[in-house]
């Protein structure tokens, strides 16, 4: 199993999503945020399941989709994955990823 590490930046993005949805649809917010988290848990067994976004010198960035959201993660070793952020599909992801 691969260890999933949520970066501080990823936690920040998830909190922002929670706050934004909670103002418009408080009944759906927990379902959506939990769904994002649960989708990311798939990476513990299948870390290469996401679309390859960018090859890096020390690993690769991949993107896993959940509804309107993109979960960006970095495979740095065979035993660990860093969640870099959770982005709404309307955002220009290139502005936020290395």
N, C-alpha and C. Protein backbone atom coordinates (compact mmCIF):
# COMPACT_ATOMS: atom_id res chain seq x y z
N UNK A 1 0.84 -1.19 0.00
CA UNK A 1 0.00 0.00 0.00
C UNK A 1 0.88 1.25 0.00
N UNK A 2 0.40 2.25 -0.69
CA UNK A 2 1.11 3.51 -0.82
C UNK A 2 0.57 4.49 0.24
N UNK A 3 1.47 5.20 0.89
CA UNK A 3 1.07 6.21 1.87
C UNK A 3 0.60 7.47 1.13
N UNK A 4 -0.54 7.99 1.55
CA UNK A 4 -1.09 9.21 0.97
C UNK A 4 -0.83 10.35 1.94
N UNK A 5 -0.13 11.37 1.47
CA UNK A 5 0.23 12.52 2.30
C UNK A 5 -0.47 13.75 1.75
N UNK A 6 -1.35 14.33 2.55
CA UNK A 6 -2.04 15.57 2.15
C UNK A 6 -1.15 16.74 2.55
N UNK A 7 -0.71 17.51 1.58
CA UNK A 7 0.12 18.68 1.87
C UNK A 7 -0.74 19.75 2.53
N UNK A 8 -0.09 20.69 3.16
CA UNK A 8 -0.81 21.81 3.78
C UNK A 8 -1.59 22.59 2.72
N UNK A 9 -1.00 22.73 1.55
CA UNK A 9 -1.68 23.41 0.45
C UNK A 9 -2.96 22.67 0.05
N UNK A 10 -2.90 21.35 -0.01
CA UNK A 10 -4.08 20.56 -0.36
C UNK A 10 -5.16 20.72 0.70
N UNK A 11 -4.77 20.73 1.97
CA UNK A 11 -5.75 20.96 3.05
C UNK A 11 -6.40 22.33 2.89
N UNK A 12 -5.60 23.30 2.53
CA UNK A 12 -6.11 24.66 2.33
C UNK A 12 -7.15 24.68 1.21
N UNK A 13 -6.83 24.03 0.08
CA UNK A 13 -7.77 23.97 -1.04
C UNK A 13 -9.07 23.29 -0.63
N UNK A 14 -8.97 22.19 0.11
CA UNK A 14 -10.15 21.46 0.54
C UNK A 14 -11.00 22.30 1.49
N UNK A 15 -10.36 23.05 2.39
CA UNK A 15 -11.11 23.95 3.29
C UNK A 15 -11.82 25.04 2.49
N UNK A 16 -11.16 25.58 1.47
CA UNK A 16 -11.78 26.60 0.62
C UNK A 16 -12.99 26.05 -0.12
N UNK A 17 -12.88 24.83 -0.61
CA UNK A 17 -14.01 24.19 -1.29
C UNK A 17 -15.16 24.01 -0.31
N UNK A 18 -14.84 23.54 0.88
CA UNK A 18 -15.86 23.35 1.92
C UNK A 18 -16.58 24.67 2.21
N UNK A 19 -15.81 25.72 2.45
CA UNK A 19 -16.40 27.03 2.77
C UNK A 19 -17.27 27.55 1.64
N UNK A 20 -16.81 27.39 0.42
CA UNK A 20 -17.55 27.90 -0.74
C UNK A 20 -18.88 27.15 -0.90
N UNK A 21 -18.84 25.83 -0.85
CA UNK A 21 -20.05 25.04 -1.03
C UNK A 21 -21.01 25.24 0.14
N UNK A 22 -20.48 25.36 1.35
CA UNK A 22 -21.32 25.51 2.54
C UNK A 22 -22.19 26.76 2.47
N UNK A 23 -21.72 27.82 1.82
CA UNK A 23 -22.53 29.04 1.73
C UNK A 23 -23.70 28.86 0.77
N UNK A 24 -23.53 28.05 -0.27
CA UNK A 24 -24.58 27.86 -1.26
C UNK A 24 -25.44 26.62 -1.02
N UNK A 25 -24.82 25.56 -0.52
CA UNK A 25 -25.52 24.29 -0.40
C UNK A 25 -25.03 23.52 0.82
N UNK A 26 -25.43 23.94 2.02
CA UNK A 26 -24.93 23.30 3.24
C UNK A 26 -25.28 21.81 3.34
N UNK A 27 -26.34 21.39 2.70
CA UNK A 27 -26.72 19.98 2.79
C UNK A 27 -25.81 19.08 1.95
N UNK A 28 -25.14 19.64 0.96
CA UNK A 28 -24.29 18.83 0.08
C UNK A 28 -22.81 18.89 0.43
N UNK A 29 -22.42 19.84 1.24
CA UNK A 29 -20.99 20.09 1.45
C UNK A 29 -20.25 18.88 2.02
N UNK A 30 -20.81 18.23 3.00
CA UNK A 30 -20.12 17.09 3.61
C UNK A 30 -19.98 15.94 2.62
N UNK A 31 -21.02 15.71 1.82
CA UNK A 31 -20.99 14.64 0.83
C UNK A 31 -19.90 14.89 -0.21
N UNK A 32 -19.77 16.12 -0.67
CA UNK A 32 -18.79 16.45 -1.71
C UNK A 32 -17.36 16.36 -1.18
N UNK A 33 -17.11 16.96 -0.04
CA UNK A 33 -15.75 16.95 0.52
C UNK A 33 -15.35 15.52 0.91
N UNK A 34 -16.27 14.78 1.50
CA UNK A 34 -15.97 13.37 1.83
C UNK A 34 -15.72 12.56 0.57
N UNK A 35 -16.48 12.85 -0.49
CA UNK A 35 -16.29 12.14 -1.76
C UNK A 35 -14.91 12.40 -2.35
N UNK A 36 -14.45 13.64 -2.26
CA UNK A 36 -13.11 13.97 -2.74
C UNK A 36 -12.06 13.18 -1.96
N UNK A 37 -12.21 13.19 -0.64
CA UNK A 37 -11.26 12.48 0.22
C UNK A 37 -11.28 10.97 -0.08
N UNK A 38 -12.47 10.40 -0.20
CA UNK A 38 -12.58 8.96 -0.48
C UNK A 38 -12.00 8.61 -1.85
N UNK A 39 -12.22 9.46 -2.83
CA UNK A 39 -11.65 9.21 -4.17
C UNK A 39 -10.13 9.17 -4.09
N UNK A 40 -9.54 10.08 -3.31
CA UNK A 40 -8.09 10.11 -3.16
C UNK A 40 -7.56 8.84 -2.50
N UNK A 41 -8.37 8.18 -1.69
CA UNK A 41 -7.92 6.97 -1.01
C UNK A 41 -7.63 5.83 -1.98
N UNK A 42 -8.21 5.89 -3.17
CA UNK A 42 -7.93 4.88 -4.21
C UNK A 42 -6.44 4.84 -4.52
N UNK A 43 -5.78 5.99 -4.36
CA UNK A 43 -4.35 6.08 -4.69
C UNK A 43 -3.49 5.17 -3.82
N UNK A 44 -3.97 4.81 -2.66
CA UNK A 44 -3.18 3.94 -1.79
C UNK A 44 -2.97 2.57 -2.44
N UNK A 45 -3.91 2.16 -3.28
CA UNK A 45 -3.79 0.87 -3.96
C UNK A 45 -3.40 1.01 -5.43
N UNK A 46 -3.82 2.12 -6.04
CA UNK A 46 -3.58 2.32 -7.47
C UNK A 46 -3.03 3.72 -7.72
N UNK A 47 -1.79 3.98 -7.36
CA UNK A 47 -1.26 5.34 -7.45
C UNK A 47 -1.13 5.89 -8.88
N UNK A 48 -1.09 5.04 -9.86
CA UNK A 48 -0.93 5.51 -11.23
C UNK A 48 -2.26 5.58 -11.98
N UNK A 49 -3.37 5.55 -11.26
CA UNK A 49 -4.69 5.54 -11.90
C UNK A 49 -5.03 6.87 -12.56
N UNK A 50 -4.50 7.96 -12.06
CA UNK A 50 -4.82 9.27 -12.61
C UNK A 50 -4.11 9.55 -13.92
N UNK A 51 -4.60 10.56 -14.61
CA UNK A 51 -4.01 11.00 -15.87
C UNK A 51 -2.64 11.63 -15.60
N UNK A 52 -1.63 11.23 -16.38
CA UNK A 52 -0.30 11.81 -16.21
C UNK A 52 -0.34 13.26 -16.70
N UNK A 53 -0.06 14.17 -15.79
CA UNK A 53 -0.12 15.59 -16.08
C UNK A 53 1.24 16.13 -16.50
N UNK A 54 2.27 15.78 -15.72
CA UNK A 54 3.61 16.30 -16.01
C UNK A 54 4.66 15.37 -15.42
N UNK A 55 5.66 15.08 -16.22
CA UNK A 55 6.82 14.31 -15.78
C UNK A 55 7.81 15.29 -15.14
N UNK A 56 8.31 14.95 -13.97
CA UNK A 56 9.27 15.79 -13.28
C UNK A 56 10.58 15.01 -13.13
N UNK A 57 11.62 15.72 -12.79
CA UNK A 57 12.92 15.08 -12.61
C UNK A 57 12.89 14.03 -11.50
N UNK A 58 12.13 14.33 -10.44
CA UNK A 58 12.10 13.44 -9.27
C UNK A 58 10.78 12.70 -9.10
N UNK A 59 9.95 12.64 -10.13
CA UNK A 59 8.68 11.93 -10.05
C UNK A 59 7.73 12.41 -11.13
N UNK A 60 6.44 12.24 -10.89
CA UNK A 60 5.46 12.71 -11.85
C UNK A 60 4.21 13.23 -11.15
N UNK A 61 3.60 14.21 -11.78
CA UNK A 61 2.34 14.75 -11.29
C UNK A 61 1.23 14.11 -12.10
N UNK A 62 0.21 13.65 -11.39
CA UNK A 62 -0.96 13.04 -12.02
C UNK A 62 -2.21 13.73 -11.49
N UNK A 63 -3.30 13.55 -12.21
CA UNK A 63 -4.57 14.17 -11.84
C UNK A 63 -5.66 13.11 -11.85
N UNK A 64 -6.39 13.06 -10.74
CA UNK A 64 -7.51 12.14 -10.57
C UNK A 64 -8.78 12.98 -10.53
N UNK A 65 -9.80 12.57 -11.27
CA UNK A 65 -11.03 13.35 -11.34
C UNK A 65 -12.06 12.86 -10.33
N UNK A 66 -12.79 13.84 -9.77
CA UNK A 66 -13.96 13.55 -8.93
C UNK A 66 -14.99 14.64 -9.23
N UNK A 67 -16.02 14.29 -9.96
CA UNK A 67 -17.03 15.26 -10.33
C UNK A 67 -16.41 16.43 -11.07
N UNK A 68 -16.65 17.64 -10.56
CA UNK A 68 -16.09 18.85 -11.17
C UNK A 68 -14.70 19.18 -10.65
N UNK A 69 -14.12 18.30 -9.85
CA UNK A 69 -12.85 18.59 -9.19
C UNK A 69 -11.73 17.71 -9.72
N UNK A 70 -10.52 18.28 -9.66
CA UNK A 70 -9.31 17.55 -10.05
C UNK A 70 -8.41 17.46 -8.83
N UNK A 71 -8.04 16.25 -8.50
CA UNK A 71 -7.14 15.99 -7.38
C UNK A 71 -5.74 15.82 -7.97
N UNK A 72 -4.88 16.80 -7.74
CA UNK A 72 -3.52 16.75 -8.28
C UNK A 72 -2.61 16.10 -7.24
N UNK A 73 -1.79 15.16 -7.69
CA UNK A 73 -0.90 14.48 -6.76
C UNK A 73 0.44 14.19 -7.41
N UNK A 74 1.42 14.00 -6.55
CA UNK A 74 2.80 13.80 -6.99
C UNK A 74 3.26 12.42 -6.52
N UNK A 75 3.67 11.60 -7.46
CA UNK A 75 4.24 10.30 -7.11
C UNK A 75 5.74 10.51 -7.00
N UNK A 76 6.23 10.48 -5.76
CA UNK A 76 7.65 10.73 -5.56
C UNK A 76 8.43 9.44 -5.33
N UNK A 77 7.78 8.43 -4.78
CA UNK A 77 8.40 7.13 -4.59
C UNK A 77 7.34 6.06 -4.82
N UNK A 78 7.75 4.83 -4.83
CA UNK A 78 6.80 3.72 -4.97
C UNK A 78 5.93 3.55 -3.73
N UNK A 79 6.33 4.19 -2.61
CA UNK A 79 5.59 3.99 -1.37
C UNK A 79 4.87 5.24 -0.86
N UNK A 80 4.96 6.37 -1.59
CA UNK A 80 4.32 7.60 -1.10
C UNK A 80 3.80 8.47 -2.23
N UNK A 81 2.65 9.08 -1.98
CA UNK A 81 2.01 10.01 -2.91
C UNK A 81 1.66 11.27 -2.12
N UNK A 82 2.01 12.43 -2.67
CA UNK A 82 1.64 13.70 -2.05
C UNK A 82 0.45 14.30 -2.79
N UNK A 83 -0.62 14.59 -2.07
CA UNK A 83 -1.74 15.30 -2.67
C UNK A 83 -1.34 16.77 -2.68
N UNK A 84 -1.27 17.36 -3.88
CA UNK A 84 -0.81 18.74 -4.03
C UNK A 84 -1.94 19.74 -3.91
N UNK A 85 -3.11 19.37 -4.35
CA UNK A 85 -4.24 20.28 -4.29
C UNK A 85 -5.48 19.67 -4.89
N UNK A 86 -6.61 20.31 -4.64
CA UNK A 86 -7.89 19.91 -5.21
C UNK A 86 -8.43 21.14 -5.91
N UNK A 87 -8.63 21.04 -7.21
CA UNK A 87 -8.97 22.20 -8.02
C UNK A 87 -10.29 22.01 -8.74
N UNK A 88 -11.09 23.05 -8.76
CA UNK A 88 -12.31 23.00 -9.55
C UNK A 88 -11.91 22.96 -11.02
N UNK A 89 -12.69 22.26 -11.82
CA UNK A 89 -12.38 22.09 -13.23
C UNK A 89 -12.29 23.39 -14.01
N UNK A 90 -12.94 24.46 -13.51
CA UNK A 90 -12.92 25.75 -14.21
C UNK A 90 -11.61 26.50 -14.00
N UNK A 91 -10.82 26.10 -13.01
CA UNK A 91 -9.56 26.80 -12.74
C UNK A 91 -8.47 26.37 -13.72
N UNK A 92 -7.58 27.30 -14.01
CA UNK A 92 -6.41 27.01 -14.83
C UNK A 92 -5.37 26.35 -13.93
N UNK A 93 -5.32 25.05 -13.96
CA UNK A 93 -4.46 24.27 -13.06
C UNK A 93 -2.98 24.60 -13.27
N UNK A 94 -2.60 25.02 -14.48
CA UNK A 94 -1.21 25.36 -14.76
C UNK A 94 -0.70 26.49 -13.86
N UNK A 95 -1.58 27.37 -13.40
CA UNK A 95 -1.16 28.47 -12.54
C UNK A 95 -0.74 28.01 -11.15
N UNK A 96 -1.17 26.81 -10.76
CA UNK A 96 -0.96 26.36 -9.39
C UNK A 96 0.02 25.21 -9.23
N UNK A 97 0.32 24.54 -10.31
CA UNK A 97 1.23 23.40 -10.22
C UNK A 97 2.58 23.74 -10.81
N UNK A 98 3.64 23.12 -10.27
CA UNK A 98 4.99 23.41 -10.80
C UNK A 98 5.18 22.90 -12.21
